[in-house]
Protein backbone atom coordinates (compact mmCIF):
# COMPACT_ATOMS: atom_id res chain seq x y z
CA MET A 1 29.16 -14.87 -25.10
CA SER A 2 30.89 -16.29 -22.09
CA ASP A 3 30.84 -14.17 -18.96
CA GLY A 4 32.36 -16.78 -16.73
CA GLN A 5 29.01 -18.36 -15.92
CA SER A 6 27.84 -21.70 -17.15
CA ALA A 7 24.72 -21.97 -19.27
CA TYR A 8 22.95 -23.48 -16.28
CA GLU A 9 23.91 -20.53 -14.06
CA ARG A 10 22.70 -18.08 -16.70
CA LEU A 11 19.45 -20.01 -16.98
CA GLN A 12 18.98 -19.94 -13.21
CA LYS A 13 19.59 -16.18 -13.18
CA ALA A 14 17.12 -15.61 -16.02
CA ALA A 15 14.50 -17.74 -14.24
CA ALA A 16 14.96 -15.81 -11.00
CA GLU A 17 14.59 -12.49 -12.81
CA ALA A 18 11.46 -13.72 -14.61
CA THR A 19 9.95 -14.92 -11.35
CA GLU A 20 10.59 -11.58 -9.67
CA GLY A 21 9.12 -9.77 -12.67
CA ALA A 22 6.01 -11.96 -12.56
CA LYS A 23 5.50 -11.17 -8.87
CA LEU A 24 5.75 -7.46 -9.56
CA LEU A 25 3.34 -7.69 -12.49
CA ALA A 26 0.83 -9.60 -10.36
CA LEU A 27 1.13 -7.06 -7.57
CA ARG A 28 0.62 -4.15 -9.97
CA THR A 29 -2.41 -5.88 -11.48
CA LEU A 30 -3.99 -6.47 -8.07
CA ARG A 31 -3.32 -2.85 -7.10
CA ASP A 32 -4.87 -1.60 -10.34
CA VAL A 33 -7.98 -3.75 -9.89
CA HIS A 34 -8.29 -2.55 -6.28
CA TRP A 35 -8.22 1.12 -7.30
CA GLU A 36 -10.57 0.57 -10.25
CA CYS A 37 -13.04 -0.98 -7.81
CA ALA A 38 -12.64 2.07 -5.57
CA ALA A 39 -13.37 4.36 -8.53
CA LEU A 40 -16.41 2.32 -9.55
CA GLU A 41 -17.65 2.25 -5.97
CA GLU A 42 -17.44 6.05 -5.85
CA GLU A 43 -19.13 6.31 -9.25
CA TRP A 44 -21.98 4.16 -7.99
CA SER A 45 -22.25 6.04 -4.70
CA GLY A 46 -24.68 8.58 -6.15
CA ARG A 47 -26.91 6.09 -7.90
CA ASP A 48 -30.18 4.99 -6.37
CA GLU A 49 -31.36 2.69 -9.12
CA PRO A 50 -32.35 -0.92 -8.43
CA GLY A 51 -29.30 -3.05 -7.65
CA ALA A 52 -26.98 -0.12 -6.92
CA GLU A 53 -26.55 -1.11 -3.28
CA GLU A 54 -25.62 -4.65 -4.31
CA VAL A 55 -23.07 -3.32 -6.80
CA ARG A 56 -21.48 -1.09 -4.14
CA ALA A 57 -21.42 -3.97 -1.67
CA ALA A 58 -19.80 -6.31 -4.21
CA LEU A 59 -17.13 -3.73 -5.08
CA ALA A 60 -16.44 -3.16 -1.38
CA ARG A 61 -16.03 -6.93 -0.85
CA ILE A 62 -13.60 -7.17 -3.77
CA ARG A 63 -11.56 -4.25 -2.44
CA ALA A 64 -11.51 -5.78 1.05
CA LYS A 65 -10.13 -9.04 -0.34
CA LEU A 66 -7.47 -7.23 -2.37
CA ALA A 67 -6.51 -4.74 0.37
CA PRO A 68 -3.85 -6.95 2.05
CA ALA A 69 -2.05 -7.36 -1.27
CA VAL A 70 -2.18 -3.61 -1.84
CA THR A 71 -1.25 -2.43 1.65
CA MET A 72 1.15 -5.23 2.68
CA PRO A 73 2.31 -6.79 -0.61
CA TRP A 74 5.26 -8.79 0.71
CA SER A 75 3.82 -10.15 3.96
CA ASP A 76 2.59 -13.70 4.31
CA ARG A 77 -0.41 -12.41 6.24
């Protein structure tokens, strides 16, 4: 299965593709967690039981921390 590349070159290419795939997976995971927190925050918006305000505040803090990765995924901040 020789395509003109050495085994080392093929390995480098495979590693680069895996790295790029891992970055995309991490980004998608962060985005999904961000939006799940948004959904939970909305779900908790109508609750007035003890601790509800703390739950909403915690979800808002999580979303705020994840927001840069969701809105500007490739910047170095």
